Amino acid sequence: MLTFALYFPGSLAISLLQDSIGIEFGDQGRKLLGGFAVAVVVAIVFTVIKFRRRDKHPSAAFISVTSCAEDDATTKPPGD
């Protein structure tokens, strides 16, 4: 779902870059660098929000499926 939500703004940005036919090579480089900077900022903000959310809502403790500790059931036969 998130992929589709991010696909539309990306395709819109690409179409806006393609519409500007009369720009020079240097202008395209600045737009590319600006887009990369925006992508880095979005990734950092997403990571910070994700870590803060994880700190506020810690995951539950590990719950074992077995009720008691058992030895390894897949031991090799002593002959080999």
Protein backbone atom coordinates (compact mmCIF):
# COMPACT_ATOMS: atom_id res chain seq x y z
CA MET A 1 0.00 0.00 0.00
CA LEU A 2 2.83 2.35 0.87
CA THR A 3 4.49 1.57 -2.45
CA PHE A 4 1.41 2.73 -4.35
CA ALA A 5 1.16 5.84 -2.18
CA LEU A 6 4.75 6.76 -3.05
CA TYR A 7 4.44 5.77 -6.71
CA PHE A 8 2.11 8.61 -7.65
CA PRO A 9 4.30 11.49 -6.38
CA GLY A 10 7.32 9.88 -8.03
CA SER A 11 5.60 9.52 -11.37
CA LEU A 12 4.32 13.10 -11.07
CA ALA A 13 7.86 14.37 -10.47
CA ILE A 14 9.17 12.42 -13.46
CA SER A 15 6.45 13.81 -15.71
CA LEU A 16 7.23 17.37 -14.55
CA LEU A 17 10.91 16.84 -15.36
CA GLN A 18 10.05 15.52 -18.81
CA ASP A 19 7.76 18.47 -19.56
CA SER A 20 10.55 21.00 -19.15
CA ILE A 21 12.15 20.51 -22.58
CA GLY A 22 14.06 23.77 -22.78
CA ILE A 23 16.27 23.34 -19.73
CA GLU A 24 20.03 23.01 -19.88
CA PHE A 25 22.14 20.14 -18.62
CA GLY A 26 23.18 22.08 -15.50
CA ASP A 27 19.56 22.70 -14.56
CA GLN A 28 18.77 19.01 -14.85
CA GLY A 29 21.71 18.24 -12.57
CA ARG A 30 20.43 20.65 -9.96
CA LYS A 31 16.97 19.09 -10.13
CA LEU A 32 18.47 15.62 -9.80
CA LEU A 33 20.58 16.70 -6.82
CA GLY A 34 17.57 18.37 -5.23
CA GLY A 35 15.47 15.24 -5.70
CA PHE A 36 18.18 13.13 -4.12
CA ALA A 37 18.41 15.51 -1.17
CA VAL A 38 14.64 15.36 -0.68
CA ALA A 39 14.75 11.55 -0.80
CA VAL A 40 17.50 11.46 1.85
CA VAL A 41 15.58 13.82 4.12
CA VAL A 42 12.38 11.77 3.75
CA ALA A 43 14.29 8.57 4.57
CA ILE A 44 15.87 10.10 7.68
CA VAL A 45 12.56 11.50 8.92
CA PHE A 46 10.86 8.14 8.32
CA THR A 47 13.59 6.33 10.27
CA VAL A 48 13.45 8.76 13.19
CA ILE A 49 9.67 8.48 13.41
CA LYS A 50 9.91 4.68 13.22
CA PHE A 51 12.48 4.52 16.03
CA ARG A 52 10.51 6.89 18.27
CA ARG A 53 7.36 4.88 17.71
CA ARG A 54 9.21 1.67 18.53
CA ASP A 55 10.54 3.21 21.77
CA LYS A 56 7.06 4.30 22.86
CA HIS A 57 5.46 0.93 22.07
CA PRO A 58 8.00 -1.81 22.82
CA SER A 59 7.36 -5.25 21.43
CA ALA A 60 6.06 -7.98 23.70
CA ALA A 61 8.45 -10.38 25.39
CA PHE A 62 9.27 -13.61 23.59
CA ILE A 63 6.81 -16.41 24.34
CA SER A 64 7.98 -19.95 23.73
CA VAL A 65 5.67 -22.41 22.01
CA THR A 66 6.92 -25.39 24.02
CA SER A 67 6.01 -25.63 27.67
CA CYS A 68 9.29 -27.15 28.85
CA ALA A 69 12.86 -27.27 27.66
CA GLU A 70 13.51 -30.34 25.52
CA ASP A 71 16.67 -31.80 24.07
CA ASP A 72 17.32 -31.48 20.37
CA ALA A 73 14.96 -33.89 18.61
CA THR A 74 17.07 -34.08 15.46
CA THR A 75 20.17 -35.84 16.80
CA LYS A 76 22.23 -37.93 14.41
CA PRO A 77 22.46 -41.69 14.90
CA PRO A 78 25.70 -42.76 16.62
CA GLY A 79 26.74 -45.10 13.76
CA ASP A 80 27.68 -42.41 11.21
